[in-house]
């Protein structure tokens, strides 16, 4: 559970770093890059420990899968609340397909 919490927090920072500047298109690109790098540093401070701790419980492929599901969930929330971009039906279907992939990765075959 600690891994998931750390991954979720790291993804919040990374989503802000990658997409937060889109509301400030009038600012110089170099400023957006520097601010994004600063935010991404905070993301790495959570991501690295999350993967280190998580690898005791999960395989690397499972960690990556957890990361992608969290990333998409955080992005959907961020996109709606911050960027005011709604989810289209095809986005939801694609997201559900990725969740289906999680079943295949975590199922004991």
Protein backbone atom coordinates (compact mmCIF):
# COMPACT_ATOMS: atom_id res chain seq x y z
CA UNK A 1 0.00 0.00 0.00
CA UNK A 2 2.91 2.34 0.76
CA UNK A 3 4.17 1.86 -2.79
CA UNK A 4 0.81 2.84 -4.28
CA UNK A 5 0.62 5.97 -2.10
CA UNK A 6 4.13 7.03 -3.12
CA UNK A 7 3.41 6.32 -6.79
CA UNK A 8 0.19 8.31 -6.62
CA UNK A 9 1.92 11.30 -5.05
CA UNK A 10 4.78 11.13 -7.53
CA UNK A 11 2.31 11.04 -10.42
CA UNK A 12 0.52 14.12 -9.14
CA UNK A 13 3.83 16.01 -9.29
CA UNK A 14 4.73 14.61 -12.70
CA UNK A 15 1.36 15.42 -14.21
CA UNK A 16 1.69 18.99 -12.97
CA UNK A 17 5.23 19.16 -14.37
CA UNK A 18 4.20 17.84 -17.78
CA UNK A 19 0.86 19.56 -18.27
CA UNK A 20 0.52 22.39 -15.73
CA UNK A 21 2.24 24.91 -17.99
CA UNK A 22 -0.40 24.46 -20.70
CA UNK A 23 -2.55 27.10 -19.00
CA UNK A 24 0.35 29.57 -19.24
CA UNK A 25 1.14 29.51 -22.95
CA UNK A 26 2.12 33.17 -22.82
CA UNK A 27 5.12 32.54 -20.59
CA UNK A 28 8.48 31.81 -22.21
CA UNK A 29 9.17 28.17 -22.97
CA UNK A 30 12.47 28.21 -21.05
CA UNK A 31 10.58 29.19 -17.89
CA UNK A 32 8.11 26.36 -18.38
CA UNK A 33 11.01 23.93 -18.80
CA UNK A 34 12.83 25.11 -15.66
CA UNK A 35 9.70 25.07 -13.52
CA UNK A 36 8.77 21.64 -14.87
CA UNK A 37 12.23 20.29 -14.06
CA UNK A 38 11.93 21.58 -10.51
CA UNK A 39 8.57 19.88 -10.08
CA UNK A 40 9.87 16.69 -11.71
CA UNK A 41 12.69 16.58 -9.15
CA UNK A 42 10.04 16.29 -6.43
CA UNK A 43 8.41 13.52 -8.44
CA UNK A 44 11.68 11.58 -8.56
CA UNK A 45 12.09 11.96 -4.80
CA UNK A 46 8.89 9.92 -4.45
CA UNK A 47 9.15 7.68 -7.51
CA UNK A 48 12.54 6.17 -6.77
CA UNK A 49 11.66 5.10 -3.20
CA UNK A 50 8.28 3.80 -4.43
CA UNK A 51 9.96 1.53 -6.95
CA UNK A 52 12.69 0.47 -4.52
CA UNK A 53 10.16 -0.46 -1.81
CA UNK A 54 7.68 -1.89 -4.28
CA UNK A 55 10.18 -4.24 -5.87
CA UNK A 56 10.19 -6.31 -2.68
CA UNK A 57 6.54 -7.12 -3.33
CA UNK A 58 6.04 -6.69 -7.09
CA UNK A 59 8.00 -7.51 -10.23
CA UNK A 60 9.28 -4.60 -12.33
CA UNK A 61 6.57 -5.27 -14.92
CA UNK A 62 3.90 -5.18 -12.22
CA UNK A 63 5.31 -1.94 -10.82
CA UNK A 64 5.22 -0.39 -14.28
CA UNK A 65 1.63 -1.52 -14.76
CA UNK A 66 0.57 -0.04 -11.43
CA UNK A 67 2.36 3.15 -12.42
CA UNK A 68 0.48 3.42 -15.73
CA UNK A 69 -2.95 2.89 -14.17
CA UNK A 70 -2.21 5.52 -11.51
CA UNK A 71 -0.83 7.87 -14.16
CA UNK A 72 -3.97 7.63 -16.24
CA UNK A 73 -6.26 8.08 -13.24
CA UNK A 74 -4.32 11.14 -12.04
CA UNK A 75 -4.28 12.57 -15.56
CA UNK A 76 -8.04 12.12 -16.00
CA UNK A 77 -8.70 14.00 -12.76
CA UNK A 78 -6.13 16.71 -13.58
CA UNK A 79 -7.41 17.11 -17.12
CA UNK A 80 -10.97 17.61 -15.93
CA UNK A 81 -10.33 19.81 -12.90
CA UNK A 82 -7.35 21.91 -14.01
CA UNK A 83 -7.43 21.96 -17.80
CA UNK A 84 -11.24 21.76 -17.99
CA UNK A 85 -11.04 19.08 -20.67
CA UNK A 86 -13.72 16.43 -20.40
CA UNK A 87 -13.30 12.71 -20.89
CA UNK A 88 -14.64 11.42 -24.18
CA UNK A 89 -16.21 7.99 -24.46
CA UNK A 90 -13.25 6.66 -26.47
CA UNK A 91 -10.83 7.77 -23.73
CA UNK A 92 -12.86 5.84 -21.18
CA UNK A 93 -12.94 2.74 -23.40
CA UNK A 94 -9.17 2.93 -23.93
CA UNK A 95 -8.62 3.32 -20.20
CA UNK A 96 -10.78 0.27 -19.52
CA UNK A 97 -8.69 -1.73 -22.00
CA UNK A 98 -5.57 -0.82 -20.05
CA UNK A 99 -7.28 -1.92 -16.85
CA UNK A 100 -8.01 -5.20 -18.65
CA UNK A 101 -4.29 -5.53 -19.32
CA UNK A 102 -3.72 -5.24 -15.58
CA UNK A 103 -5.77 -8.40 -15.09
CA UNK A 104 -3.50 -10.32 -17.46
CA UNK A 105 -0.33 -9.02 -15.84
CA UNK A 106 -1.36 -9.71 -12.25
CA UNK A 107 -3.22 -13.00 -12.78
CA UNK A 108 -1.34 -16.07 -11.62
CA UNK A 109 -1.18 -18.23 -14.76
